[in-house]
Amino acid sequence: MRELIEFIAKSLVSNPEAVKITESDEESRKVFKLEVAPEDKGKVIGRQGRVAHAIRVLLRVAAVKEGARASLEIV
């Protein structure tokens, strides 16, 4: 799941070296925190959050496939 988020984020941003993903376990789910350069944050979020929503949907599908629950926070 981490690789999926990293691939998508690096494909979207202008500065792929600044992409950082941290993973933590909260209750019964994994929480991924995505950090990008300030100038790339808009590209990852998208208009009205559409890109962020699409990334979260893909993450949920990958998590269900592995029998887990996951969420994404963009920091």
N, C-alpha and C. Protein backbone atom coordinates (compact mmCIF):
# COMPACT_ATOMS: atom_id res chain seq x y z
N MET A 1 0.82 -1.19 0.00
CA MET A 1 0.00 0.00 0.00
C MET A 1 0.86 1.26 0.00
N ARG A 2 1.94 1.19 0.75
CA ARG A 2 2.85 2.34 0.81
C ARG A 2 3.44 2.64 -0.56
N GLU A 3 3.80 1.58 -1.29
CA GLU A 3 4.38 1.74 -2.61
C GLU A 3 3.37 2.36 -3.58
N LEU A 4 2.11 2.00 -3.43
CA LEU A 4 1.06 2.55 -4.28
C LEU A 4 0.94 4.05 -4.08
N ILE A 5 0.88 4.48 -2.83
CA ILE A 5 0.77 5.91 -2.53
C ILE A 5 2.00 6.65 -3.04
N GLU A 6 3.17 6.07 -2.81
CA GLU A 6 4.42 6.71 -3.24
C GLU A 6 4.47 6.86 -4.76
N PHE A 7 4.07 5.83 -5.48
CA PHE A 7 4.08 5.88 -6.94
C PHE A 7 3.13 6.97 -7.46
N ILE A 8 1.93 7.00 -6.93
CA ILE A 8 0.95 7.99 -7.38
C ILE A 8 1.42 9.41 -7.06
N ALA A 9 1.89 9.62 -5.83
CA ALA A 9 2.31 10.96 -5.42
C ALA A 9 3.51 11.44 -6.24
N LYS A 10 4.48 10.58 -6.45
CA LYS A 10 5.67 10.98 -7.22
C LYS A 10 5.33 11.26 -8.67
N SER A 11 4.30 10.60 -9.18
CA SER A 11 3.87 10.85 -10.56
C SER A 11 3.18 12.20 -10.71
N LEU A 12 2.57 12.69 -9.64
CA LEU A 12 1.80 13.93 -9.70
C LEU A 12 2.63 15.19 -9.46
N VAL A 13 3.63 15.12 -8.61
CA VAL A 13 4.32 16.32 -8.15
C VAL A 13 5.49 16.71 -9.05
N SER A 14 5.92 17.97 -8.89
CA SER A 14 7.08 18.47 -9.64
C SER A 14 8.39 18.10 -8.96
N ASN A 15 8.35 17.92 -7.65
CA ASN A 15 9.54 17.63 -6.87
C ASN A 15 9.37 16.26 -6.18
N PRO A 16 9.60 15.15 -6.91
CA PRO A 16 9.36 13.83 -6.32
C PRO A 16 10.29 13.47 -5.16
N GLU A 17 11.42 14.16 -5.05
CA GLU A 17 12.34 13.86 -3.94
C GLU A 17 11.76 14.30 -2.59
N ALA A 18 10.82 15.23 -2.61
CA ALA A 18 10.24 15.77 -1.38
C ALA A 18 9.08 14.93 -0.85
N VAL A 19 8.71 13.87 -1.56
CA VAL A 19 7.59 13.03 -1.12
C VAL A 19 8.05 12.15 0.03
N LYS A 20 7.32 12.23 1.15
CA LYS A 20 7.63 11.41 2.33
C LYS A 20 6.33 10.78 2.82
N ILE A 21 6.41 9.51 3.13
CA ILE A 21 5.24 8.80 3.63
C ILE A 21 5.59 8.15 4.95
N THR A 22 4.78 8.44 5.96
CA THR A 22 4.95 7.78 7.26
C THR A 22 3.73 6.92 7.51
N GLU A 23 3.96 5.82 8.19
CA GLU A 23 2.90 4.84 8.42
C GLU A 23 2.77 4.60 9.92
N SER A 24 1.54 4.58 10.41
CA SER A 24 1.31 4.28 11.81
C SER A 24 0.06 3.43 11.95
N ASP A 25 -0.02 2.71 13.06
CA ASP A 25 -1.19 1.88 13.33
C ASP A 25 -2.03 2.55 14.40
N GLU A 26 -3.28 2.80 14.07
CA GLU A 26 -4.23 3.37 15.02
C GLU A 26 -5.43 2.44 15.10
N GLU A 27 -5.70 1.95 16.29
CA GLU A 27 -6.79 1.01 16.52
C GLU A 27 -6.67 -0.15 15.55
N SER A 28 -7.61 -0.33 14.66
CA SER A 28 -7.58 -1.49 13.76
C SER A 28 -7.29 -1.10 12.32
N ARG A 29 -6.62 0.04 12.11
CA ARG A 29 -6.35 0.48 10.74
C ARG A 29 -4.96 1.09 10.64
N LYS A 30 -4.45 1.13 9.42
CA LYS A 30 -3.17 1.78 9.16
C LYS A 30 -3.45 3.20 8.67
N VAL A 31 -2.68 4.13 9.18
CA VAL A 31 -2.82 5.52 8.77
C VAL A 31 -1.53 5.92 8.06
N PHE A 32 -1.68 6.37 6.83
CA PHE A 32 -0.55 6.83 6.04
C PHE A 32 -0.60 8.35 5.99
N LYS A 33 0.53 8.99 6.29
CA LYS A 33 0.62 10.45 6.22
C LYS A 33 1.55 10.79 5.07
N LEU A 34 1.01 11.56 4.13
CA LEU A 34 1.74 11.93 2.93
C LEU A 34 2.19 13.38 3.05
N GLU A 35 3.49 13.59 2.93
CA GLU A 35 4.06 14.94 2.95
C GLU A 35 4.68 15.23 1.59
N VAL A 36 4.34 16.40 1.06
CA VAL A 36 4.93 16.85 -0.21
C VAL A 36 5.41 18.28 -0.03
N ALA A 37 6.15 18.76 -1.02
CA ALA A 37 6.61 20.15 -0.99
C ALA A 37 5.39 21.08 -1.01
N PRO A 38 5.49 22.23 -0.34
CA PRO A 38 4.34 23.16 -0.28
C PRO A 38 3.77 23.55 -1.64
N GLU A 39 4.64 23.71 -2.63
CA GLU A 39 4.14 24.10 -3.95
C GLU A 39 3.44 22.95 -4.68
N ASP A 40 3.62 21.72 -4.22
CA ASP A 40 2.99 20.56 -4.85
C ASP A 40 1.72 20.09 -4.14
N LYS A 41 1.42 20.69 -3.02
CA LYS A 41 0.27 20.24 -2.23
C LYS A 41 -1.04 20.36 -3.02
N GLY A 42 -1.18 21.42 -3.80
CA GLY A 42 -2.38 21.60 -4.61
C GLY A 42 -2.55 20.53 -5.67
N LYS A 43 -1.44 20.05 -6.21
CA LYS A 43 -1.49 19.01 -7.23
C LYS A 43 -1.97 17.68 -6.64
N VAL A 44 -1.56 17.42 -5.41
CA VAL A 44 -1.95 16.17 -4.76
C VAL A 44 -3.40 16.23 -4.28
N ILE A 45 -3.85 17.40 -3.86
CA ILE A 45 -5.23 17.53 -3.39
C ILE A 45 -6.19 17.66 -4.56
N GLY A 46 -5.85 18.45 -5.56
CA GLY A 46 -6.70 18.61 -6.73
C GLY A 46 -7.85 19.57 -6.48
N ARG A 47 -8.57 19.87 -7.54
CA ARG A 47 -9.72 20.78 -7.42
C ARG A 47 -10.80 20.13 -6.59
N GLN A 48 -11.21 20.83 -5.57
CA GLN A 48 -12.24 20.38 -4.63
C GLN A 48 -11.91 19.01 -4.04
N GLY A 49 -10.63 18.67 -3.98
CA GLY A 49 -10.19 17.43 -3.35
C GLY A 49 -10.42 16.17 -4.16
N ARG A 50 -10.62 16.32 -5.45
CA ARG A 50 -10.92 15.15 -6.29
C ARG A 50 -9.75 14.19 -6.40
N VAL A 51 -8.54 14.70 -6.56
CA VAL A 51 -7.38 13.82 -6.68
C VAL A 51 -7.13 13.10 -5.36
N ALA A 52 -7.22 13.83 -4.25
CA ALA A 52 -7.03 13.21 -2.94
C ALA A 52 -8.08 12.13 -2.70
N HIS A 53 -9.30 12.41 -3.09
CA HIS A 53 -10.37 11.42 -2.92
C HIS A 53 -10.08 10.17 -3.75
N ALA A 54 -9.62 10.35 -4.97
CA ALA A 54 -9.29 9.21 -5.84
C ALA A 54 -8.15 8.37 -5.25
N ILE A 55 -7.14 9.03 -4.69
CA ILE A 55 -6.03 8.31 -4.07
C ILE A 55 -6.54 7.52 -2.87
N ARG A 56 -7.42 8.12 -2.08
CA ARG A 56 -7.97 7.44 -0.91
C ARG A 56 -8.81 6.22 -1.31
N VAL A 57 -9.56 6.35 -2.40
CA VAL A 57 -10.35 5.21 -2.89
C VAL A 57 -9.44 4.06 -3.31
N LEU A 58 -8.39 4.37 -4.05
CA LEU A 58 -7.44 3.33 -4.46
C LEU A 58 -6.77 2.68 -3.26
N LEU A 59 -6.44 3.47 -2.25
CA LEU A 59 -5.83 2.94 -1.03
C LEU A 59 -6.80 2.00 -0.32
N ARG A 60 -8.06 2.39 -0.23
CA ARG A 60 -9.07 1.54 0.41
C ARG A 60 -9.22 0.22 -0.32
N VAL A 61 -9.22 0.27 -1.64
CA VAL A 61 -9.34 -0.96 -2.43
C VAL A 61 -8.15 -1.88 -2.18
N ALA A 62 -6.94 -1.32 -2.16
CA ALA A 62 -5.74 -2.12 -1.89
C ALA A 62 -5.77 -2.70 -0.48
N ALA A 63 -6.28 -1.94 0.47
CA ALA A 63 -6.36 -2.42 1.85
C ALA A 63 -7.35 -3.56 1.98
N VAL A 64 -8.50 -3.43 1.35
CA VAL A 64 -9.51 -4.49 1.41
C VAL A 64 -8.97 -5.77 0.77
N LYS A 65 -8.20 -5.61 -0.28
CA LYS A 65 -7.60 -6.76 -0.96
C LYS A 65 -6.67 -7.51 -0.02
N GLU A 66 -6.01 -6.79 0.90
CA GLU A 66 -5.10 -7.40 1.86
C GLU A 66 -5.82 -7.77 3.16
N GLY A 67 -7.10 -7.44 3.25
CA GLY A 67 -7.86 -7.76 4.46
C GLY A 67 -7.59 -6.81 5.60
N ALA A 68 -7.32 -5.56 5.29
CA ALA A 68 -7.01 -4.55 6.30
C ALA A 68 -7.84 -3.30 6.05
N ARG A 69 -7.66 -2.32 6.92
CA ARG A 69 -8.29 -1.01 6.75
C ARG A 69 -7.18 0.03 6.74
N ALA A 70 -7.35 1.05 5.90
CA ALA A 70 -6.31 2.07 5.78
C ALA A 70 -6.94 3.42 5.47
N SER A 71 -6.21 4.48 5.85
CA SER A 71 -6.65 5.83 5.52
C SER A 71 -5.42 6.67 5.18
N LEU A 72 -5.66 7.79 4.52
CA LEU A 72 -4.59 8.66 4.06
C LEU A 72 -4.82 10.08 4.57
N GLU A 73 -3.78 10.65 5.14
CA GLU A 73 -3.81 12.05 5.55
C GLU A 73 -2.74 12.79 4.75
N ILE A 74 -3.11 13.93 4.20
CA ILE A 74 -2.15 14.76 3.46
C ILE A 74 -1.73 15.88 4.37
N VAL A 75 -0.45 15.90 4.72
CA VAL A 75 0.07 16.87 5.68
C VAL A 75 0.77 17.98 4.95
